[in-house]
Protein backbone atom coordinates (compact mmCIF):
# COMPACT_ATOMS: atom_id res chain seq x y z
CA MET A 1 36.77 -72.22 -9.22
CA TYR A 2 40.26 -73.01 -7.99
CA LYS A 3 41.44 -76.42 -6.85
CA MET A 4 41.69 -76.85 -3.11
CA ASN A 5 45.01 -78.76 -3.63
CA ASP A 6 46.66 -75.59 -4.97
CA ASN A 7 46.21 -74.05 -1.54
CA ILE A 8 47.85 -76.83 0.47
CA LYS A 9 51.61 -76.59 1.01
CA ILE A 10 53.28 -79.61 2.61
CA LEU A 11 56.69 -79.88 4.29
CA VAL A 12 58.34 -83.33 4.26
CA VAL A 13 61.05 -83.80 6.92
CA ASP A 14 63.13 -86.96 6.51
CA ASP A 15 66.83 -87.76 6.25
CA ASP A 16 66.03 -90.62 3.86
CA GLU A 17 66.33 -89.36 0.26
CA SER A 18 64.17 -92.17 -1.12
CA ILE A 19 61.24 -91.19 1.15
CA ARG A 20 61.56 -87.56 0.06
CA TRP A 21 61.63 -88.65 -3.62
CA VAL A 22 58.50 -90.85 -3.28
CA LEU A 23 56.48 -88.17 -1.47
CA ASP A 24 57.67 -85.48 -3.90
CA LYS A 25 56.44 -87.43 -6.95
CA GLY A 26 53.27 -88.68 -5.28
CA LEU A 27 52.08 -85.39 -3.77
CA LYS A 28 52.94 -83.21 -6.78
CA LYS A 29 50.98 -85.67 -8.94
CA LYS A 30 47.91 -84.61 -6.91
CA ARG A 31 48.86 -80.92 -7.39
CA TYR A 32 49.93 -80.32 -3.78
CA ARG A 33 52.80 -77.90 -3.22
CA VAL A 34 55.73 -79.68 -1.57
CA ASP A 35 58.87 -78.52 0.23
CA PHE A 36 61.58 -80.59 1.92
CA ALA A 37 63.96 -80.60 4.89
CA LYS A 38 66.76 -83.16 5.36
CA ASN A 39 66.86 -82.86 9.15
CA GLY A 40 65.13 -81.37 12.18
CA ARG A 41 67.13 -78.13 12.37
CA GLU A 42 66.46 -77.34 8.71
CA ALA A 43 62.75 -78.02 9.24
CA ILE A 44 62.55 -75.66 12.22
CA LYS A 45 64.31 -72.88 10.28
CA LYS A 46 61.94 -73.27 7.32
CA ILE A 47 58.86 -73.11 9.55
CA GLU A 48 60.20 -70.08 11.42
CA ARG A 49 60.78 -68.26 8.11
CA GLN A 50 57.55 -69.26 6.35
CA ASP A 51 53.97 -69.33 7.57
CA ASP A 52 52.26 -70.95 4.58
CA TYR A 53 52.71 -74.65 5.45
CA PHE A 54 49.56 -76.56 6.33
CA ILE A 55 50.87 -80.11 6.80
CA VAL A 56 54.21 -81.52 7.98
CA PHE A 57 55.24 -85.15 7.40
CA LEU A 58 57.89 -85.65 10.09
CA ASP A 59 60.24 -88.61 10.52
CA ILE A 60 60.57 -89.59 14.18
CA PHE A 61 64.19 -90.79 13.99
CA MET A 62 66.72 -88.34 12.54
CA PRO A 63 70.46 -87.92 13.15
CA ASP A 64 70.47 -84.41 14.64
CA ILE A 65 67.27 -83.94 16.63
CA SER A 66 64.55 -86.40 17.61
CA GLY A 67 61.37 -86.01 15.58
CA LEU A 68 59.43 -85.71 18.84
CA ASP A 69 61.60 -82.75 19.89
CA VAL A 70 61.10 -81.18 16.46
CA LEU A 71 57.35 -81.72 16.87
CA HIS A 72 57.41 -79.92 20.21
CA LYS A 73 59.37 -76.97 18.74
CA ILE A 74 57.10 -76.68 15.67
CA LYS A 75 54.01 -76.57 17.87
CA GLN A 76 55.55 -73.67 19.79
CA VAL A 77 56.16 -71.73 16.56
CA GLN A 78 52.96 -72.65 14.66
CA PRO A 79 50.48 -74.47 16.94
CA ASP A 80 47.86 -74.89 14.19
CA LEU A 81 50.05 -76.97 11.84
CA PHE A 82 48.89 -80.52 11.09
CA ILE A 83 51.88 -82.74 11.88
CA ILE A 84 51.95 -86.39 10.79
CA ILE A 85 54.67 -88.54 12.34
CA MET A 86 56.43 -91.17 10.18
CA THR A 87 58.51 -94.04 11.52
CA ALA A 88 59.61 -97.58 10.75
CA GLN A 89 59.12 -98.53 14.41
CA GLY A 90 55.46 -98.18 15.27
CA THR A 91 55.69 -98.77 19.00
CA MET A 92 52.89 -97.89 21.37
CA LYS A 93 55.20 -95.66 23.41
CA ASN A 94 56.18 -93.55 20.38
CA THR A 95 52.56 -93.31 19.20
CA ILE A 96 51.27 -92.13 22.59
CA GLU A 97 54.10 -89.61 23.07
CA ALA A 98 53.65 -88.21 19.56
CA MET A 99 49.92 -87.71 20.06
CA GLN A 100 50.49 -86.12 23.47
CA LYS A 101 52.91 -83.62 21.91
CA GLY A 102 50.28 -82.55 19.37
CA ALA A 103 50.71 -84.84 16.35
CA TYR A 104 47.62 -85.04 14.15
CA ASP A 105 48.25 -88.64 13.09
CA TYR A 106 50.90 -91.34 12.90
CA ILE A 107 51.87 -93.61 9.98
CA THR A 108 54.28 -96.53 9.80
CA LYS A 109 56.87 -97.11 7.08
CA PRO A 110 56.66 -98.57 4.54
CA PHE A 111 53.43 -96.84 3.62
CA ASP A 112 51.17 -96.89 0.59
CA LEU A 113 50.69 -93.63 -1.32
CA GLU A 114 46.92 -94.13 -1.21
CA GLU A 115 47.19 -93.97 2.58
CA ILE A 116 49.05 -90.66 2.24
CA TYR A 117 46.42 -89.30 -0.17
CA MET A 118 43.56 -90.23 2.16
CA LEU A 119 45.33 -88.62 5.09
CA VAL A 120 46.07 -85.37 3.22
CA GLU A 121 42.49 -85.23 1.90
CA LYS A 122 41.22 -85.65 5.46
CA VAL A 123 43.44 -82.77 6.63
CA SER A 124 42.33 -80.60 3.66
CA LYS A 125 38.69 -81.03 4.63
CA GLU A 126 39.49 -80.19 8.24
CA ILE A 127 41.34 -77.03 7.17
CA GLU A 128 38.28 -75.94 5.21
CA GLN A 129 36.03 -76.80 8.16
CA ARG A 130 38.20 -74.78 10.53
CA LYS A 131 37.86 -71.74 8.28
CA ARG A 132 34.08 -72.03 8.19
CA ILE A 133 33.82 -72.54 11.95
CA SER A 134 36.04 -69.51 12.53
CA ILE A 135 33.73 -67.39 10.36
CA MET A 136 30.65 -68.60 12.24
CA GLU A 137 32.23 -68.03 15.67
CA ASN A 138 33.23 -64.48 14.75
CA GLU A 139 29.88 -63.56 13.16
CA LEU A 140 29.00 -60.81 15.66
CA LYS A 141 32.56 -59.50 15.85
CA GLU A 142 32.88 -59.64 12.08
CA ARG A 143 29.76 -57.48 11.71
CA PHE A 144 31.74 -54.55 13.02
CA GLU A 145 35.14 -55.54 11.58
CA ILE A 146 33.77 -55.92 8.07
CA GLY A 147 31.34 -53.11 8.63
CA GLU A 148 27.64 -53.08 7.96
CA ILE A 149 26.51 -50.87 5.12
CA VAL A 150 23.50 -49.01 6.50
CA GLY A 151 20.84 -47.19 4.55
CA LYS A 152 17.20 -47.25 3.42
CA SER A 153 17.42 -44.50 0.83
CA LYS A 154 16.95 -45.28 -2.86
CA ALA A 155 20.62 -44.44 -3.49
CA MET A 156 21.84 -47.05 -0.98
CA GLN A 157 19.26 -49.66 -2.00
CA LYS A 158 20.68 -49.42 -5.51
CA ILE A 159 24.17 -50.14 -4.12
CA PHE A 160 22.85 -53.17 -2.20
CA LYS A 161 21.32 -54.60 -5.37
CA ILE A 162 24.58 -54.27 -7.27
CA ILE A 163 26.47 -56.02 -4.45
CA GLY A 164 23.91 -58.82 -4.45
CA LYS A 165 24.28 -59.40 -8.17
CA ALA A 166 28.05 -58.87 -8.49
CA ALA A 167 29.42 -60.62 -5.38
CA SER A 168 29.28 -64.14 -6.81
CA ILE A 169 30.56 -63.20 -10.28
CA ASP A 170 34.34 -63.27 -10.77
CA VAL A 171 34.74 -59.97 -12.59
CA ASN A 172 36.72 -56.83 -11.74
CA ILE A 173 34.85 -54.02 -10.02
CA LEU A 174 35.62 -50.30 -9.83
CA ILE A 175 34.14 -48.32 -6.92
CA GLN A 176 34.18 -44.54 -7.26
CA GLY A 177 33.14 -41.92 -4.74
CA GLU A 178 34.33 -39.20 -2.40
CA SER A 179 36.52 -40.02 0.60
CA GLY A 180 34.54 -41.45 3.48
CA THR A 181 31.56 -42.73 1.46
CA GLY A 182 32.23 -46.39 2.34
CA LYS A 183 34.11 -47.73 -0.67
CA GLU A 184 36.11 -50.25 1.38
CA LEU A 185 32.92 -51.43 3.13
CA VAL A 186 31.43 -52.24 -0.26
CA ALA A 187 34.59 -54.10 -1.28
CA ARG A 188 34.47 -56.15 1.93
CA ALA A 189 30.77 -56.88 1.40
CA LEU A 190 31.51 -58.12 -2.13
CA HIS A 191 34.21 -60.44 -0.77
CA HIS A 192 32.17 -61.58 2.23
CA ASN A 193 29.25 -62.61 0.02
CA SER A 194 31.36 -64.44 -2.57
CA HIS A 195 32.68 -68.01 -2.74
CA ARG A 196 36.08 -66.55 -1.79
CA VAL A 197 34.91 -65.70 1.75
CA THR A 198 37.26 -68.27 3.35
CA GLU A 199 40.23 -66.81 1.44
CA PRO A 200 42.17 -63.62 2.32
CA PHE A 201 40.83 -60.11 1.81
CA ILE A 202 43.95 -58.02 1.24
CA THR A 203 43.90 -54.23 1.04
CA ILE A 204 46.50 -51.71 -0.09
CA ASN A 205 46.15 -47.94 -0.23
CA CYS A 206 48.05 -46.92 -3.35
CA ALA A 207 48.15 -43.27 -2.25
CA ALA A 208 49.60 -43.98 1.19
CA ILE A 209 52.77 -45.78 0.05
CA PRO A 210 55.72 -43.96 -1.54
CA LYS A 211 55.83 -44.56 -5.30
CA ASP A 212 59.27 -46.17 -5.19
CA LEU A 213 58.05 -48.75 -2.63
CA LEU A 214 54.62 -49.49 -4.09
CA GLU A 215 55.85 -52.01 -6.67
CA SER A 216 57.52 -54.11 -3.96
CA GLU A 217 54.37 -53.90 -1.78
CA LEU A 218 52.20 -55.09 -4.65
CA PHE A 219 54.39 -57.80 -6.17
CA GLY A 220 56.97 -58.61 -3.49
CA HIS A 221 60.71 -58.85 -4.02
CA GLU A 222 63.58 -61.30 -4.00
CA LYS A 223 66.46 -61.13 -1.55
CA GLY A 224 69.07 -58.67 -2.84
CA ALA A 225 66.73 -57.17 -5.48
CA PHE A 226 67.61 -53.68 -4.24
CA THR A 227 69.35 -51.98 -1.34
CA GLY A 228 67.59 -52.99 1.86
CA ALA A 229 66.03 -56.18 0.41
CA VAL A 230 67.71 -58.42 2.99
CA GLU A 231 65.20 -61.25 2.54
CA GLN A 232 62.50 -62.44 0.19
CA LYS A 233 59.14 -60.72 0.66
CA LYS A 234 55.68 -61.65 -0.56
CA GLY A 235 53.60 -58.91 -2.15
CA LYS A 236 49.88 -58.22 -1.87
CA PHE A 237 49.04 -60.17 -5.03
CA GLU A 238 50.75 -63.25 -3.63
CA LEU A 239 49.18 -62.85 -0.18
CA ALA A 240 45.71 -62.49 -1.72
CA HIS A 241 46.25 -65.80 -3.61
CA ASN A 242 42.70 -67.02 -4.36
CA GLY A 243 41.00 -64.31 -2.32
CA THR A 244 40.28 -60.65 -3.04
CA LEU A 245 42.78 -57.82 -3.54
CA PHE A 246 41.37 -54.34 -2.87
CA LEU A 247 43.39 -51.62 -4.60
CA ASP A 248 42.26 -48.47 -2.82
CA GLU A 249 42.96 -45.04 -4.38
CA ILE A 250 44.22 -46.62 -7.59
CA GLY A 251 43.77 -43.24 -9.30
CA ASP A 252 46.96 -42.09 -7.55
CA MET A 253 49.10 -44.91 -8.97
CA ALA A 254 51.99 -44.02 -11.29
CA LEU A 255 51.54 -44.85 -15.00
CA ARG A 256 54.50 -47.26 -14.94
CA LEU A 257 52.83 -49.38 -12.26
CA GLN A 258 49.45 -49.11 -13.97
CA ALA A 259 51.00 -50.96 -16.92
CA LYS A 260 52.14 -53.78 -14.63
CA ILE A 261 48.68 -54.04 -13.02
CA LEU A 262 47.18 -54.26 -16.51
CA ARG A 263 49.55 -57.14 -17.34
CA VAL A 264 48.45 -59.07 -14.23
CA LEU A 265 44.80 -58.58 -15.14
CA GLN A 266 45.43 -59.80 -18.70
CA ASP A 267 47.84 -62.69 -18.09
CA LYS A 268 47.10 -63.67 -14.46
CA GLU A 269 50.86 -63.62 -13.85
CA PHE A 270 53.33 -61.31 -12.13
CA TYR A 271 57.00 -61.13 -11.17
CA ARG A 272 58.46 -60.30 -7.80
CA VAL A 273 60.95 -57.43 -8.04
CA GLY A 274 64.26 -59.03 -9.00
CA ALA A 275 62.70 -62.40 -9.93
CA LYS A 276 63.29 -64.30 -13.19
CA SER A 277 60.26 -66.61 -12.98
CA SER A 278 56.63 -65.55 -12.79
CA LEU A 279 53.95 -66.39 -10.22
CA LYS A 280 50.26 -67.03 -10.88
CA SER A 281 47.56 -64.76 -9.52
CA GLU A 282 43.97 -65.96 -9.14
CA ALA A 283 42.93 -63.05 -6.90
CA ARG A 284 39.81 -61.09 -7.68
CA ILE A 285 40.56 -57.38 -8.14
CA ILE A 286 38.36 -54.66 -6.68
CA ALA A 287 39.66 -51.12 -7.19
CA ALA A 288 38.49 -47.82 -5.74
CA THR A 289 39.24 -44.14 -6.21
CA ASN A 290 37.95 -40.72 -5.19
CA ARG A 291 39.25 -39.22 -8.46
CA ASN A 292 37.34 -38.76 -11.68
CA LEU A 293 39.20 -41.32 -13.79
CA GLU A 294 37.68 -40.14 -17.06
CA GLU A 295 39.21 -36.71 -16.47
CA ALA A 296 42.48 -38.38 -15.43
CA ILE A 297 42.48 -40.29 -18.74
CA GLU A 298 42.03 -37.04 -20.69
CA ASN A 299 44.92 -35.51 -18.72
CA LYS A 300 47.14 -38.55 -19.48
CA GLN A 301 47.29 -39.45 -15.78
CA PHE A 302 45.47 -42.79 -16.01
CA ARG A 303 45.59 -45.53 -18.64
CA GLU A 304 42.37 -45.91 -20.58
CA ASP A 305 42.95 -49.65 -21.18
CA LEU A 306 43.38 -50.26 -17.44
CA TYR A 307 40.24 -48.24 -16.72
CA HIS A 308 38.18 -50.48 -19.01
CA ARG A 309 39.74 -53.62 -17.50
CA LEU A 310 38.81 -52.51 -13.99
CA ASN A 311 35.43 -50.98 -14.79
CA VAL A 312 33.61 -54.19 -15.73
CA ILE A 313 31.05 -53.49 -13.01
CA PRO A 314 31.08 -49.83 -11.89
CA ILE A 315 29.77 -48.81 -8.48
CA LEU A 316 29.31 -45.09 -7.75
CA MET A 317 29.05 -44.30 -4.04
CA PRO A 318 26.78 -41.31 -3.31
CA PRO A 319 28.02 -38.60 -0.90
CA LEU A 320 26.14 -38.46 2.39
CA ARG A 321 24.63 -35.06 1.55
CA GLU A 322 22.70 -36.80 -1.26
CA HIS A 323 21.01 -39.32 1.05
CA LYS A 324 20.56 -37.41 4.30
CA GLU A 325 17.47 -39.46 5.07
CA ASP A 326 19.90 -42.23 6.10
CA ILE A 327 21.58 -40.08 8.78
CA PRO A 328 19.29 -41.09 11.71
CA LEU A 329 19.80 -44.78 10.83
CA LEU A 330 23.56 -44.34 10.45
CA ALA A 331 23.78 -42.37 13.70
CA LYS A 332 21.92 -45.11 15.59
CA TYR A 333 24.20 -47.75 14.08
CA PHE A 334 27.36 -45.83 15.05
CA VAL A 335 26.05 -45.27 18.58
CA GLU A 336 25.47 -49.02 18.96
CA LYS A 337 28.93 -49.70 17.59
CA ALA A 338 30.47 -47.21 20.03
CA GLU A 339 28.54 -48.82 22.89
CA GLN A 340 30.27 -52.11 22.06
CA GLU A 341 33.72 -50.51 21.89
CA ILE A 342 33.51 -48.00 24.74
CA SER A 343 31.06 -49.79 27.11
CA HIS A 344 29.21 -46.74 28.43
CA GLY A 345 25.91 -48.60 28.60
CA LYS A 346 22.84 -47.67 26.59
CA ILE A 347 23.19 -44.32 24.80
CA TYR A 348 20.42 -42.29 23.18
CA ILE A 349 20.48 -39.36 20.74
CA SER A 350 18.45 -36.24 21.48
CA SER A 351 16.15 -34.81 18.82
CA GLU A 352 18.21 -31.61 18.77
CA VAL A 353 21.31 -33.61 17.87
CA LEU A 354 19.52 -35.48 15.06
CA LYS A 355 18.35 -32.13 13.71
CA LEU A 356 21.91 -30.82 13.72
CA LEU A 357 23.28 -33.96 12.07
CA GLN A 358 20.79 -33.69 9.23
CA GLN A 359 21.55 -29.99 8.67
CA HIS A 360 25.30 -30.55 8.31
CA GLU A 361 26.86 -30.98 4.83
CA TRP A 362 29.30 -33.78 5.85
CA LYS A 363 32.23 -33.05 3.57
CA GLY A 364 33.96 -36.06 5.15
CA ASN A 365 30.84 -38.16 4.49
CA ILE A 366 30.07 -41.27 6.56
CA ARG A 367 33.57 -41.40 8.06
CA GLU A 368 33.11 -37.88 9.46
CA LEU A 369 29.70 -38.83 10.86
CA GLU A 370 31.11 -41.93 12.57
CA ASN A 371 33.95 -39.95 14.18
CA THR A 372 31.48 -37.29 15.32
CA ILE A 373 29.23 -39.90 16.95
CA LYS A 374 32.15 -41.69 18.64
CA ARG A 375 33.37 -38.37 20.07
CA ALA A 376 29.88 -37.55 21.33
CA VAL A 377 29.49 -40.96 23.00
CA ILE A 378 32.81 -40.49 24.81
CA LEU A 379 31.96 -36.96 25.96
CA SER A 380 28.37 -37.71 26.97
CA SER A 381 29.37 -40.10 29.78
CA GLY A 382 25.68 -40.62 30.29
CA SER A 383 22.52 -41.80 28.64
CA THR A 384 21.82 -39.09 26.03
CA ILE A 385 23.94 -37.27 23.45
CA GLN A 386 23.19 -33.53 23.63
CA PRO A 387 24.26 -30.67 21.31
CA GLU A 388 27.12 -29.70 23.64
CA HIS A 389 28.70 -33.11 23.01
CA LEU A 390 29.09 -32.30 19.32
CA PRO A 391 31.96 -30.31 17.78
CA SER A 392 31.46 -26.55 18.23
CA HIS A 393 30.82 -25.88 14.53
CA LEU A 394 27.82 -28.23 14.74
CA SER A 395 26.39 -27.08 18.08
CA ARG A 396 26.60 -23.41 17.05
CA ARG A 397 24.44 -24.17 14.02
CA LEU A 398 21.44 -24.96 16.26
CA LEU A 399 21.84 -21.76 18.21
CA ASP A 400 22.36 -19.72 15.05
CA SER A 401 19.22 -21.17 13.46
CA GLU A 402 17.13 -20.56 16.58
CA LEU A 403 18.36 -17.03 17.08
CA LYS A 404 18.58 -16.16 13.39
CA GLY A 405 17.30 -12.69 12.59
CA ILE A 406 16.74 -11.81 16.25
CA SER A 407 18.88 -8.83 17.28
CA PRO A 408 19.10 -7.88 20.97
CA ILE A 409 17.07 -4.68 20.32
CA VAL A 410 14.24 -6.53 18.53
CA GLN A 411 14.24 -9.36 21.02
CA PHE A 412 14.11 -7.15 24.07
CA GLN A 413 12.37 -4.00 22.85
CA LYS A 414 9.24 -4.77 24.89
CA GLU A 415 11.32 -5.76 27.88
CA LEU A 416 13.45 -2.62 27.55
CA TYR A 417 10.37 -0.41 27.22
CA ASN A 418 8.98 -1.79 30.46
CA ILE A 419 12.38 -1.59 32.13
CA PHE A 420 12.88 2.11 31.35
CA LYS A 421 9.24 2.89 32.07
CA ASN A 422 9.56 1.59 35.61
CA ILE A 423 13.23 2.26 36.28
CA SER A 424 14.26 3.93 39.53
CA GLY A 425 17.37 5.91 40.38
CA TRP A 426 16.54 9.18 38.61
CA GLU A 427 17.05 11.20 41.73
CA ASN A 428 20.01 9.44 43.35
CA GLY A 429 22.31 9.12 40.30
CA HIS A 430 22.14 5.31 40.07
CA ILE A 431 20.28 5.14 36.77
CA TYR A 432 23.25 3.59 34.87
CA ASP A 433 23.75 0.75 37.36
CA ASP A 434 20.02 0.08 37.67
CA ALA A 435 19.51 0.04 33.88
CA ILE A 436 22.46 -2.30 33.28
CA GLN A 437 21.28 -4.68 35.99
CA SER A 438 17.73 -4.72 34.65
CA VAL A 439 18.75 -5.23 30.99
CA GLU A 440 21.31 -7.88 31.97
CA LYS A 441 18.71 -9.82 33.94
CA ALA A 442 16.23 -9.72 31.03
CA LEU A 443 18.94 -10.73 28.55
CA PHE A 444 20.16 -13.73 30.57
CA GLN A 445 16.62 -14.88 31.33
CA ASN A 446 15.67 -14.70 27.65
CA ILE A 447 18.76 -16.57 26.40
CA LEU A 448 18.38 -19.27 29.06
CA GLU A 449 14.78 -19.83 28.07
CA LYS A 450 15.75 -19.85 24.39
CA THR A 451 18.36 -22.59 25.01
CA ALA A 452 16.05 -24.62 27.29
CA TRP A 453 18.32 -23.72 30.22
CA ASN A 454 21.27 -25.50 28.68
CA GLN A 455 23.96 -23.45 30.40
CA SER A 456 26.75 -24.50 28.02
CA GLN A 457 24.79 -23.27 25.01
CA ALA A 458 23.64 -20.11 26.78
CA ALA A 459 27.20 -19.22 27.81
CA SER A 460 28.34 -19.81 24.22
CA VAL A 461 25.68 -17.47 22.83
CA LEU A 462 26.45 -14.78 25.40
CA GLY A 463 30.19 -15.08 24.86
CA ILE A 464 30.97 -15.73 28.53
CA ASN A 465 32.17 -18.79 30.41
CA ARG A 466 29.85 -21.04 32.40
CA ASN A 467 31.17 -19.86 35.79
CA THR A 468 30.26 -16.27 34.95
CA LEU A 469 26.80 -17.38 33.82
CA ARG A 470 26.22 -19.32 37.05
CA ARG A 471 27.25 -16.28 39.09
CA LYS A 472 24.81 -14.09 37.15
CA ILE A 473 21.99 -16.62 37.61
CA GLU A 474 22.55 -16.49 41.38
CA GLU A 475 23.01 -12.72 41.38
CA HIS A 476 19.73 -12.09 39.51
CA LYS A 477 17.96 -15.03 41.16
CA LEU A 478 16.94 -16.38 37.75
CA LYS A 479 14.65 -19.40 37.63
CA LYS A 480 13.38 -21.62 34.86
CA ASP A 481 9.82 -20.87 33.73
CA VAL A 482 8.16 -24.25 34.30
CA SER A 483 4.95 -23.11 32.60
CA LYS A 484 6.64 -23.19 29.14
């Protein structure tokens, strides 16, 4: 476990060098990180450039700007900062005005370091409490942001068990599986169920960032380290700090960078690009890939030593086609999620749609299923998702399966026999028109019955548009057989 003090960065703002010296020695003794500003303008610039301060000790009387004015400006830039006013003149007027402007507390010089320690400890506990309250308040929202891993199949139950056992253990984890199987959801679940839940969960897709920029994204860079580095930048390892760093698609990372990742895992240290001194990393590493890393190792595309460092606990995500029994549950979950996002009201899924979803191979896995459901919810604009709300390659499958092996001649041979047996027009030369009309009527009636009078599907099977079908229904006076 890390020390809470390591996470607290304090800015001391005072024009008195002796005060800065005392607080520097005293706070660093307790392992707090400390920074300094000699006046109000310098303090404001530091806070505008950096967002990692938690506490500010602010002198009320300074030569350039009043501490109360600095307090007001800081609160505009970072309203959540804990600001403690310091002064040698503890008047009631100053105290009241400071508290009204958003000061957390007020201390009078000269002060005892024990008083400072107690105050900082009090703020540290409140910071921790704020994090926990924020998590509790966002519980419902977080369910969809983090993502709920859904499934009752044996394959998914196995994944759940691994998450349950591995979440609280600080070891590296490698998640492998096809694109769209939910690798990031598993990584988030591991973080969310660990003691690091109040710390950052930082993700980076190693395949989505150009190779020449990936090192800077991972480790950060110093100002002037390369062309375009106009200011210092923190990398993902530094941002993750004591939280979790998720390295997605690590199989696409260049060998040179793989060596640097290995060094971080071994030594818990890294260098910003262009830096001379190292930084510590206490982040937990979870990596993921859709590549077969063992094959990549044989092809000299992935380091074997890094693979073994990452693969302490392996998790293999099954493709959706291997646990299709979870599709109805997943579909219901995605419909409920879409209801929350799109606000169409209660949406249901027809049995025909569920049948189609379970027949599909889902090469894009769960991600493809979610996108399909979201599209269907948007297009349905009603209470039930029907086959016509699915992409055409899915809706055609139902029609193909229902009409499979049924040629027009076989399907209508009895109808045609009766038609030609009773056809008129032999004498007046209208036999062609009468035959076409009779066959057309039987064909449309049969297809409409076969598709349960779903005109979109029927038009698709017939190869005509819906307006033409409607005109033919009126022309032939076709009606649904209510006895079926």
